[in-house]
Amino acid sequence: MFGAALLGACGPDSTTDSLTVVATVPTEGSRHAADAPLRVRFDGYLSESMRLGAAASLASAEVGVAISVLYDPVEQGLVIVPARPLRVGLGYTLTVDASVVEGVDERRLDADLIVDFVAGNPTSAGGGPRPVVRFADIEADLRAACGDCHGAPPGAYPPLTAAALVEAPSKRRPGAVLVQPGAPLDSELVRRVLSDYPGTLGAPMPPDAPLDVALQKRLVDWVRDGALP
């Protein structure tokens, strides 16, 4: 979550011609836990075809740091994960490349984003990769949120089981699948729960209120992790 790291008081402005950064973690000149991911949030969804690996770089005194770059569609942002914890007390520069980052609406940044920060003490949790999310980890929460509509007959298709979701064809979008393991934005289920994702057919799910953000993130992680049962 970005929380108080918002850089502006206003919400996204759909009339702007450029893609805009609305939050960063860390912020300019701040200290950031040496074992925590870095995050950059934008005012819209990013292109599915964007070269994530080239979207951001991290360096200390011009010495590059190995990172992996993920896309978090729930927060509409990049997540930059250093390969190993940063050195406490050392200064670092995060750069987001304006020539690579592109919105799904084809908007681009006006210029590279550059954030200088200092690595602080590690988190008490000790960092490290998060556990793999399996369907069993989210099943109860999905049923609580969506079980009134999806379930045993006469409930709407599909039932809330991994077998019914993974690589199952979408009835609403010909040629699409409900869950494509490893590819959240190629999964119709993920597009539907993101509520305002461009080009999505039909009403968002659930129809009365969006899924809890934490559950949206876990659903995306489940798909990204391979959609395991």
Protein backbone atom coordinates (compact mmCIF):
# COMPACT_ATOMS: atom_id res chain seq x y z
CA MET A 1 0.00 0.00 0.00
CA PHE A 2 1.15 3.54 -0.66
CA GLY A 3 -0.77 5.29 2.12
CA ALA A 4 0.72 8.66 3.05
CA ALA A 5 3.26 8.55 0.22
CA LEU A 6 0.82 10.26 -2.15
CA LEU A 7 2.57 13.07 -3.97
CA GLY A 8 -0.52 15.10 -4.74
CA ALA A 9 -3.75 15.89 -2.98
CA CYS A 10 -5.90 15.35 -6.05
CA GLY A 11 -6.99 12.08 -7.55
CA PRO A 12 -6.14 10.89 -11.07
CA ASP A 13 -7.07 13.36 -13.80
CA SER A 14 -8.29 11.51 -16.88
CA THR A 15 -7.93 14.68 -18.96
CA THR A 16 -4.13 14.88 -18.67
CA ASP A 17 -2.11 14.08 -21.78
CA SER A 18 0.77 12.52 -19.86
CA LEU A 19 1.05 9.59 -17.52
CA THR A 20 1.55 10.91 -14.01
CA VAL A 21 3.31 9.50 -10.96
CA VAL A 22 1.05 9.93 -7.94
CA ALA A 23 3.10 8.16 -5.26
CA THR A 24 6.51 6.68 -4.59
CA VAL A 25 7.87 4.53 -1.79
CA PRO A 26 10.43 5.74 -0.82
CA THR A 27 9.90 9.46 -1.29
CA GLU A 28 12.71 11.79 -2.34
CA GLY A 29 15.42 12.09 0.34
CA SER A 30 13.81 9.63 2.74
CA ARG A 31 15.16 6.50 4.40
CA HIS A 32 13.79 3.20 3.17
CA ALA A 33 14.10 -0.23 4.78
CA ALA A 34 17.03 -2.03 3.17
CA ASP A 35 15.04 -5.22 2.57
CA ALA A 36 11.73 -3.69 1.43
CA PRO A 37 10.48 -3.36 -2.17
CA LEU A 38 10.30 0.05 -3.83
CA ARG A 39 7.00 1.15 -5.34
CA VAL A 40 5.89 3.70 -7.93
CA ARG A 41 2.21 4.35 -8.49
CA PHE A 42 0.68 5.98 -11.58
CA ASP A 43 -2.65 7.62 -12.38
CA GLY A 44 -3.74 4.79 -14.68
CA TYR A 45 -3.14 1.18 -15.68
CA LEU A 46 0.08 0.35 -17.49
CA SER A 47 0.37 -1.31 -20.88
CA GLU A 48 0.34 -5.11 -20.82
CA SER A 49 3.07 -5.19 -23.48
CA MET A 50 5.46 -2.88 -21.64
CA ARG A 51 9.02 -4.20 -21.12
CA LEU A 52 8.92 -4.45 -17.35
CA GLY A 53 12.55 -5.46 -17.01
CA ALA A 54 13.64 -2.20 -18.63
CA ALA A 55 11.15 0.07 -16.85
CA ALA A 56 13.29 0.85 -13.82
CA SER A 57 16.88 0.78 -12.62
CA LEU A 58 18.55 1.14 -9.24
CA ALA A 59 22.11 2.32 -8.57
CA SER A 60 24.41 3.54 -5.84
CA ALA A 61 27.18 5.93 -6.93
CA GLU A 62 26.62 4.77 -10.52
CA VAL A 63 27.05 1.12 -9.55
CA GLY A 64 23.99 -0.78 -10.73
CA VAL A 65 21.94 -2.95 -8.39
CA ALA A 66 20.28 -6.14 -9.62
CA ILE A 67 16.50 -5.85 -9.38
CA SER A 68 13.32 -7.47 -10.59
CA VAL A 69 10.38 -5.32 -11.68
CA LEU A 70 6.78 -6.44 -11.20
CA TYR A 71 3.51 -4.77 -12.12
CA ASP A 72 0.80 -4.41 -9.48
CA PRO A 73 -2.44 -3.72 -11.37
CA VAL A 74 -4.41 -3.26 -8.16
CA GLU A 75 -2.27 -0.27 -7.14
CA GLN A 76 -1.58 0.65 -10.79
CA GLY A 77 2.11 0.67 -10.02
CA LEU A 78 5.54 -0.85 -10.39
CA VAL A 79 7.12 -2.90 -7.63
CA ILE A 80 10.92 -2.91 -7.72
CA VAL A 81 12.55 -5.72 -5.73
CA PRO A 82 16.33 -5.66 -5.16
CA ALA A 83 17.99 -9.06 -5.58
CA ARG A 84 19.49 -8.71 -2.09
CA PRO A 85 19.08 -6.26 0.80
CA LEU A 86 20.57 -2.82 0.24
CA ARG A 87 23.49 -1.60 2.35
CA VAL A 88 22.25 0.36 5.35
CA GLY A 89 23.35 3.99 5.29
CA LEU A 90 24.24 3.99 1.60
CA GLY A 91 22.56 6.35 -0.85
CA TYR A 92 20.65 4.97 -3.84
CA THR A 93 18.94 6.36 -6.93
CA LEU A 94 15.81 4.82 -8.39
CA THR A 95 15.16 5.73 -12.02
CA VAL A 96 11.96 4.98 -13.92
CA ASP A 97 12.50 5.19 -17.68
CA ALA A 98 10.01 7.46 -19.45
CA SER A 99 10.84 5.87 -22.80
CA VAL A 100 9.66 2.46 -21.56
CA VAL A 101 6.77 3.11 -19.18
CA GLU A 102 3.47 3.44 -21.04
CA GLY A 103 -0.15 3.53 -19.95
CA VAL A 104 -2.72 1.17 -21.37
CA ASP A 105 -4.19 4.34 -22.90
CA GLU A 106 -0.79 5.02 -24.58
CA ARG A 107 0.06 7.95 -22.30
CA ARG A 108 3.72 8.30 -21.31
CA LEU A 109 5.71 10.12 -18.64
CA ASP A 110 6.99 13.58 -19.58
CA ALA A 111 10.43 12.73 -18.19
CA ASP A 112 12.32 10.05 -16.29
CA LEU A 113 11.36 9.73 -12.63
CA ILE A 114 14.41 9.97 -10.34
CA VAL A 115 14.18 9.32 -6.60
CA ASP A 116 17.23 9.57 -4.32
CA PHE A 117 17.01 7.86 -0.94
CA VAL A 118 19.09 6.25 1.78
CA ALA A 119 18.82 2.60 2.80
CA GLY A 120 17.64 2.34 6.40
CA ASN A 121 17.50 -0.49 8.88
CA PRO A 122 15.85 -3.70 7.64
CA THR A 123 12.25 -4.41 8.54
CA SER A 124 11.58 -6.41 11.68
CA ALA A 125 10.07 -9.11 9.47
CA GLY A 126 13.46 -9.67 7.89
CA GLY A 127 12.32 -9.24 4.27
CA GLY A 128 12.69 -12.15 1.91
CA PRO A 129 10.30 -13.40 -0.75
CA ARG A 130 6.63 -13.65 0.10
CA PRO A 131 5.07 -17.12 0.35
CA VAL A 132 3.51 -18.56 -2.80
CA VAL A 133 -0.26 -17.99 -2.83
CA ARG A 134 -2.37 -21.05 -3.55
CA PHE A 135 -6.10 -21.16 -4.25
CA ALA A 136 -6.66 -22.78 -0.86
CA ASP A 137 -5.29 -19.58 0.72
CA ILE A 138 -7.93 -17.34 -0.89
CA GLU A 139 -10.85 -19.71 -1.39
CA ALA A 140 -12.70 -18.86 1.83
CA ASP A 141 -12.45 -15.11 1.25
CA LEU A 142 -13.56 -15.45 -2.39
CA ARG A 143 -16.58 -17.49 -1.33
CA ALA A 144 -17.46 -14.92 1.32
CA ALA A 145 -17.27 -12.08 -1.21
CA CYS A 146 -18.69 -13.80 -4.30
CA GLY A 147 -20.51 -16.91 -3.10
CA ASP A 148 -23.97 -15.34 -3.33
CA CYS A 149 -23.64 -15.34 -7.14
CA HIS A 150 -21.09 -18.05 -7.86
CA GLY A 151 -21.40 -21.55 -6.52
CA ALA A 152 -23.34 -24.73 -6.86
CA PRO A 153 -26.28 -24.67 -9.33
CA PRO A 154 -28.27 -22.55 -9.81
CA GLY A 155 -25.41 -20.17 -9.00
CA ALA A 156 -23.83 -18.30 -11.85
CA TYR A 157 -20.94 -19.74 -13.82
CA PRO A 158 -18.20 -20.32 -12.85
CA PRO A 159 -18.19 -22.08 -9.50
CA LEU A 160 -15.45 -20.87 -7.18
CA THR A 161 -13.01 -23.73 -7.55
CA ALA A 162 -9.54 -23.78 -9.03
CA ALA A 163 -10.59 -26.49 -11.50
CA ALA A 164 -13.46 -24.35 -12.79
CA LEU A 165 -11.32 -21.21 -13.16
CA VAL A 166 -7.87 -22.18 -14.38
CA GLU A 167 -7.59 -22.12 -18.19
CA ALA A 168 -11.38 -22.24 -18.47
CA PRO A 169 -12.81 -20.36 -21.47
CA SER A 170 -14.61 -17.11 -20.78
CA LYS A 171 -18.25 -17.16 -21.84
CA ARG A 172 -18.32 -13.37 -22.05
CA ARG A 173 -15.12 -12.80 -24.06
CA PRO A 174 -14.55 -15.33 -26.89
CA GLY A 175 -10.96 -16.53 -27.04
CA ALA A 176 -10.16 -15.40 -23.50
CA VAL A 177 -9.67 -17.60 -20.45
CA LEU A 178 -10.80 -16.95 -16.91
CA VAL A 179 -7.40 -17.62 -15.34
CA GLN A 180 -4.17 -17.87 -17.31
CA PRO A 181 -1.48 -19.16 -14.91
CA GLY A 182 1.37 -16.68 -14.61
CA ALA A 183 -0.43 -13.92 -16.52
CA PRO A 184 -2.87 -11.88 -14.38
CA LEU A 185 -3.82 -9.39 -17.10
CA ASP A 186 -4.43 -12.19 -19.59
CA SER A 187 -6.98 -13.54 -17.12
CA GLU A 188 -10.56 -12.39 -17.54
CA LEU A 189 -11.27 -12.96 -13.85
CA VAL A 190 -8.58 -10.48 -12.83
CA ARG A 191 -9.77 -7.89 -15.36
CA ARG A 192 -13.32 -8.14 -14.01
CA VAL A 193 -12.38 -7.67 -10.35
CA LEU A 194 -10.29 -4.60 -11.23
CA SER A 195 -13.67 -2.94 -11.93
CA ASP A 196 -12.53 -0.07 -14.19
CA TYR A 197 -9.95 -1.92 -16.28
CA PRO A 198 -10.18 -0.55 -19.86
CA GLY A 199 -11.97 -2.72 -22.39
CA THR A 200 -13.51 -5.10 -19.86
CA LEU A 201 -16.85 -6.48 -20.96
CA GLY A 202 -19.79 -6.48 -18.57
CA ALA A 203 -20.23 -5.21 -15.03
CA PRO A 204 -17.36 -5.41 -12.56
CA MET A 205 -17.35 -8.21 -10.01
CA PRO A 206 -18.76 -8.20 -7.43
CA PRO A 207 -21.47 -5.90 -8.83
CA ASP A 208 -22.34 -4.17 -5.55
CA ALA A 209 -18.85 -3.23 -4.30
CA PRO A 210 -15.24 -3.91 -5.30
CA LEU A 211 -13.34 -6.74 -3.71
CA ASP A 212 -11.27 -5.74 -0.72
CA VAL A 213 -7.91 -4.41 -2.00
CA ALA A 214 -5.98 -6.99 0.01
CA LEU A 215 -8.02 -9.79 -1.57
CA GLN A 216 -7.52 -8.30 -5.05
CA LYS A 217 -3.77 -8.38 -4.45
CA ARG A 218 -3.83 -11.97 -3.23
CA LEU A 219 -5.91 -12.99 -6.24
CA VAL A 220 -3.38 -11.36 -8.58
CA ASP A 221 -0.53 -13.05 -6.69
CA TRP A 222 -2.29 -16.42 -6.97
CA VAL A 223 -2.51 -16.09 -10.74
CA ARG A 224 1.05 -14.71 -11.03
CA ASP A 225 2.37 -17.60 -8.91
CA GLY A 226 0.96 -20.16 -11.32
CA ALA A 227 -2.67 -20.52 -10.15
CA LEU A 228 -1.92 -23.52 -7.96
CA PRO A 229 -4.83 -25.34 -6.28
